[in-house]
Amino acid sequence: MSENLTPWQQYKKNLGDARPWDLMHKDQQTDEKTANERYEICKKCPEFINLTTQCKKCGCIMTLKTKLKIAECPLGKWGQVDVKIDEGDKNAKV
């Protein structure tokens, strides 16, 4: 059975847990090597828009999203790295 999501609900689902304001915290960012590896994967994807460096699937600017530890590709091409779980946060992902 397919989900009946509005375009906005689908966009939020594809976005995942990453949020732009996480870029303000250095501890939420990956190392440069990981960010570059992720971005290279994105650049080869048919969902990547070269002009804006955005993903058609999630709408994110990939030059930024690839820098976030908690970010993941909506197509499963790359995932989260080194995410520490706060014992008090029951919604955190590994």
N, C-alpha and C. Protein backbone atom coordinates (compact mmCIF):
# COMPACT_ATOMS: atom_id res chain seq x y z
N MET A 1 0.85 -1.18 0.00
CA MET A 1 0.00 0.00 0.00
C MET A 1 0.89 1.24 0.00
N SER A 2 0.67 2.15 -0.91
CA SER A 2 1.49 3.36 -0.99
C SER A 2 0.96 4.42 -0.02
N GLU A 3 1.86 5.28 0.43
CA GLU A 3 1.48 6.36 1.33
C GLU A 3 0.83 7.48 0.53
N ASN A 4 -0.19 8.07 1.11
CA ASN A 4 -0.85 9.22 0.49
C ASN A 4 -0.37 10.48 1.19
N LEU A 5 0.82 10.93 0.81
CA LEU A 5 1.41 12.11 1.42
C LEU A 5 1.24 13.32 0.52
N THR A 6 1.05 14.47 1.14
CA THR A 6 1.05 15.71 0.38
C THR A 6 2.48 15.98 -0.08
N PRO A 7 2.68 16.85 -1.06
CA PRO A 7 4.06 17.16 -1.48
C PRO A 7 4.92 17.66 -0.31
N TRP A 8 4.35 18.47 0.58
CA TRP A 8 5.11 18.98 1.73
C TRP A 8 5.48 17.84 2.68
N GLN A 9 4.57 16.93 2.95
CA GLN A 9 4.86 15.78 3.81
C GLN A 9 5.95 14.91 3.20
N GLN A 10 5.91 14.70 1.89
CA GLN A 10 6.93 13.91 1.21
C GLN A 10 8.28 14.60 1.29
N TYR A 11 8.30 15.92 1.11
CA TYR A 11 9.54 16.69 1.21
C TYR A 11 10.15 16.53 2.60
N LYS A 12 9.34 16.67 3.66
CA LYS A 12 9.83 16.53 5.03
C LYS A 12 10.35 15.12 5.29
N LYS A 13 9.68 14.13 4.74
CA LYS A 13 10.12 12.75 4.90
C LYS A 13 11.47 12.54 4.22
N ASN A 14 11.63 13.06 3.01
CA ASN A 14 12.88 12.93 2.27
C ASN A 14 14.02 13.70 2.91
N LEU A 15 13.71 14.79 3.61
CA LEU A 15 14.73 15.60 4.26
C LEU A 15 15.43 14.83 5.37
N GLY A 16 14.70 14.00 6.09
CA GLY A 16 15.30 13.24 7.18
C GLY A 16 15.47 14.09 8.42
N ASP A 17 16.48 13.75 9.22
CA ASP A 17 16.69 14.41 10.51
C ASP A 17 17.59 15.65 10.44
N ALA A 18 18.28 15.85 9.37
CA ALA A 18 19.21 16.97 9.25
C ALA A 18 18.47 18.29 9.14
N ARG A 19 19.00 19.30 9.81
CA ARG A 19 18.42 20.64 9.76
C ARG A 19 19.53 21.64 9.50
N PRO A 20 19.25 22.70 8.73
CA PRO A 20 20.30 23.67 8.37
C PRO A 20 21.02 24.28 9.57
N TRP A 21 20.33 24.51 10.67
CA TRP A 21 20.95 25.16 11.83
C TRP A 21 22.00 24.25 12.49
N ASP A 22 21.99 22.97 12.17
CA ASP A 22 23.03 22.07 12.70
C ASP A 22 24.41 22.46 12.18
N LEU A 23 24.48 23.17 11.05
CA LEU A 23 25.75 23.60 10.49
C LEU A 23 26.47 24.61 11.40
N MET A 24 25.76 25.24 12.32
CA MET A 24 26.36 26.22 13.22
C MET A 24 27.15 25.55 14.34
N HIS A 25 27.04 24.24 14.47
CA HIS A 25 27.71 23.51 15.55
C HIS A 25 28.79 22.61 14.95
N LYS A 26 30.04 22.91 15.25
CA LYS A 26 31.17 22.15 14.69
C LYS A 26 31.09 20.67 15.06
N ASP A 27 30.55 20.35 16.23
CA ASP A 27 30.48 18.95 16.65
C ASP A 27 29.43 18.17 15.85
N GLN A 28 28.61 18.85 15.08
CA GLN A 28 27.60 18.21 14.23
C GLN A 28 28.10 18.00 12.81
N GLN A 29 29.34 18.45 12.53
CA GLN A 29 29.87 18.38 11.18
C GLN A 29 30.84 17.21 11.01
N THR A 30 30.85 16.65 9.82
CA THR A 30 31.79 15.58 9.49
C THR A 30 33.15 16.18 9.18
N ASP A 31 34.12 15.31 9.03
CA ASP A 31 35.43 15.79 8.58
C ASP A 31 35.34 16.10 7.08
N GLU A 32 36.31 16.82 6.59
CA GLU A 32 36.29 17.27 5.19
C GLU A 32 36.32 16.09 4.21
N LYS A 33 37.06 15.04 4.53
CA LYS A 33 37.16 13.87 3.66
C LYS A 33 35.79 13.22 3.47
N THR A 34 35.05 13.03 4.55
CA THR A 34 33.72 12.42 4.48
C THR A 34 32.77 13.29 3.68
N ALA A 35 32.79 14.60 3.94
CA ALA A 35 31.92 15.53 3.20
C ALA A 35 32.22 15.47 1.71
N ASN A 36 33.50 15.44 1.35
CA ASN A 36 33.88 15.37 -0.06
C ASN A 36 33.46 14.06 -0.71
N GLU A 37 33.62 12.95 0.02
CA GLU A 37 33.21 11.64 -0.52
C GLU A 37 31.70 11.62 -0.77
N ARG A 38 30.93 12.14 0.17
CA ARG A 38 29.47 12.19 0.01
C ARG A 38 29.09 13.06 -1.19
N TYR A 39 29.73 14.22 -1.28
CA TYR A 39 29.41 15.16 -2.36
C TYR A 39 29.74 14.57 -3.73
N GLU A 40 30.83 13.83 -3.83
CA GLU A 40 31.19 13.18 -5.09
C GLU A 40 30.11 12.17 -5.49
N ILE A 41 29.55 11.46 -4.52
CA ILE A 41 28.45 10.52 -4.80
C ILE A 41 27.25 11.30 -5.33
N CYS A 42 26.94 12.41 -4.68
CA CYS A 42 25.80 13.24 -5.11
C CYS A 42 25.97 13.75 -6.53
N LYS A 43 27.17 14.21 -6.86
CA LYS A 43 27.41 14.79 -8.18
C LYS A 43 27.18 13.78 -9.31
N LYS A 44 27.30 12.50 -9.02
CA LYS A 44 27.09 11.46 -10.03
C LYS A 44 25.64 10.99 -10.11
N CYS A 45 24.81 11.45 -9.21
CA CYS A 45 23.41 11.00 -9.12
C CYS A 45 22.52 11.76 -10.10
N PRO A 46 21.58 11.07 -10.74
CA PRO A 46 20.66 11.74 -11.67
C PRO A 46 19.71 12.72 -10.97
N GLU A 47 19.59 12.65 -9.65
CA GLU A 47 18.73 13.56 -8.89
C GLU A 47 19.45 14.86 -8.52
N PHE A 48 20.73 14.96 -8.84
CA PHE A 48 21.54 16.14 -8.50
C PHE A 48 21.37 17.23 -9.54
N ILE A 49 21.15 18.46 -9.07
CA ILE A 49 21.03 19.63 -9.95
C ILE A 49 22.36 20.39 -9.88
N ASN A 50 23.13 20.36 -10.95
CA ASN A 50 24.45 21.00 -10.97
C ASN A 50 24.39 22.50 -10.70
N LEU A 51 23.46 23.19 -11.31
CA LEU A 51 23.39 24.65 -11.22
C LEU A 51 23.25 25.13 -9.77
N THR A 52 22.39 24.48 -9.01
CA THR A 52 22.12 24.91 -7.63
C THR A 52 22.76 24.02 -6.58
N THR A 53 23.39 22.95 -6.97
CA THR A 53 23.94 21.89 -6.11
C THR A 53 22.88 21.31 -5.17
N GLN A 54 21.66 21.24 -5.66
CA GLN A 54 20.56 20.70 -4.87
C GLN A 54 20.20 19.29 -5.32
N CYS A 55 19.57 18.58 -4.38
CA CYS A 55 19.03 17.26 -4.66
C CYS A 55 17.55 17.42 -5.03
N LYS A 56 17.14 16.82 -6.13
CA LYS A 56 15.73 16.89 -6.53
C LYS A 56 14.84 16.13 -5.55
N LYS A 57 15.39 15.13 -4.90
CA LYS A 57 14.60 14.27 -4.01
C LYS A 57 14.29 14.96 -2.68
N CYS A 58 15.31 15.54 -2.03
CA CYS A 58 15.08 16.15 -0.72
C CYS A 58 15.06 17.67 -0.76
N GLY A 59 15.58 18.27 -1.84
CA GLY A 59 15.59 19.72 -1.96
C GLY A 59 16.74 20.41 -1.27
N CYS A 60 17.62 19.64 -0.64
CA CYS A 60 18.73 20.21 0.11
C CYS A 60 19.84 20.69 -0.80
N ILE A 61 20.60 21.67 -0.30
CA ILE A 61 21.81 22.12 -0.96
C ILE A 61 22.91 21.17 -0.49
N MET A 62 23.39 20.37 -1.41
CA MET A 62 24.25 19.25 -1.05
C MET A 62 25.65 19.66 -0.62
N THR A 63 26.12 20.83 -1.04
CA THR A 63 27.42 21.29 -0.56
C THR A 63 27.38 21.51 0.96
N LEU A 64 26.19 21.70 1.50
CA LEU A 64 26.02 21.90 2.93
C LEU A 64 25.58 20.61 3.63
N LYS A 65 24.59 19.94 3.08
CA LYS A 65 24.06 18.74 3.72
C LYS A 65 25.12 17.66 3.89
N THR A 66 26.02 17.52 2.94
CA THR A 66 27.05 16.49 3.02
C THR A 66 28.01 16.70 4.18
N LYS A 67 27.99 17.89 4.79
CA LYS A 67 28.87 18.20 5.92
C LYS A 67 28.28 17.80 7.26
N LEU A 68 27.00 17.43 7.31
CA LEU A 68 26.34 17.12 8.58
C LEU A 68 26.42 15.64 8.92
N LYS A 69 26.87 15.33 10.14
CA LYS A 69 26.98 13.94 10.58
C LYS A 69 25.64 13.21 10.51
N ILE A 70 24.58 13.87 10.92
CA ILE A 70 23.28 13.22 11.04
C ILE A 70 22.54 13.11 9.70
N ALA A 71 23.06 13.78 8.69
CA ALA A 71 22.41 13.77 7.37
C ALA A 71 22.57 12.41 6.70
N GLU A 72 21.61 12.10 5.84
CA GLU A 72 21.70 10.90 5.03
C GLU A 72 20.99 11.12 3.71
N CYS A 73 21.44 10.41 2.70
CA CYS A 73 20.86 10.52 1.38
C CYS A 73 19.47 9.90 1.39
N PRO A 74 18.47 10.59 0.82
CA PRO A 74 17.11 10.02 0.79
C PRO A 74 17.02 8.77 -0.09
N LEU A 75 18.01 8.55 -0.93
CA LEU A 75 18.04 7.36 -1.78
C LEU A 75 18.92 6.25 -1.20
N GLY A 76 19.50 6.51 -0.02
CA GLY A 76 20.31 5.51 0.65
C GLY A 76 21.72 5.35 0.10
N LYS A 77 22.22 6.34 -0.62
CA LYS A 77 23.56 6.23 -1.21
C LYS A 77 24.67 6.52 -0.21
N TRP A 78 24.39 7.25 0.86
CA TRP A 78 25.30 7.47 1.96
C TRP A 78 24.47 7.77 3.22
N GLY A 79 25.06 7.53 4.38
CA GLY A 79 24.29 7.67 5.62
C GLY A 79 25.01 8.46 6.69
N GLN A 80 24.46 8.38 7.89
CA GLN A 80 24.98 9.10 9.04
C GLN A 80 26.34 8.55 9.46
N VAL A 81 27.15 9.40 10.09
CA VAL A 81 28.45 8.98 10.60
C VAL A 81 28.66 9.49 12.02
N ASP A 82 29.27 8.66 12.84
CA ASP A 82 29.70 9.06 14.19
C ASP A 82 28.65 9.83 14.98
N VAL A 83 27.41 9.39 14.93
CA VAL A 83 26.36 10.08 15.66
C VAL A 83 26.32 9.54 17.08
N LYS A 84 26.52 10.43 18.05
CA LYS A 84 26.48 10.03 19.45
C LYS A 84 25.05 10.15 19.96
N ILE A 85 24.61 9.16 20.70
CA ILE A 85 23.25 9.13 21.23
C ILE A 85 23.23 9.71 22.63
N ASP A 86 22.37 10.68 22.84
CA ASP A 86 22.13 11.24 24.16
C ASP A 86 21.12 10.31 24.82
N GLU A 87 21.47 9.75 25.97
CA GLU A 87 20.60 8.78 26.64
C GLU A 87 19.21 9.35 26.92
N GLY A 88 19.10 10.66 27.07
CA GLY A 88 17.81 11.28 27.34
C GLY A 88 16.97 11.49 26.07
N ASP A 89 17.57 11.33 24.92
CA ASP A 89 16.87 11.57 23.66
C ASP A 89 16.36 10.25 23.09
N LYS A 90 15.10 9.98 23.27
CA LYS A 90 14.51 8.73 22.83
C LYS A 90 14.27 8.70 21.32
N ASN A 91 14.36 9.85 20.65
CA ASN A 91 14.15 9.92 19.22
C ASN A 91 15.44 9.89 18.41
N ALA A 92 16.57 9.79 19.08
CA ALA A 92 17.86 9.81 18.39
C ALA A 92 18.06 8.54 17.58
N LYS A 93 18.82 8.68 16.49
CA LYS A 93 19.14 7.55 15.62
C LYS A 93 20.60 7.16 15.79
N VAL A 94 20.89 5.92 15.51
CA VAL A 94 22.28 5.44 15.57
C VAL A 94 22.95 5.68 14.24
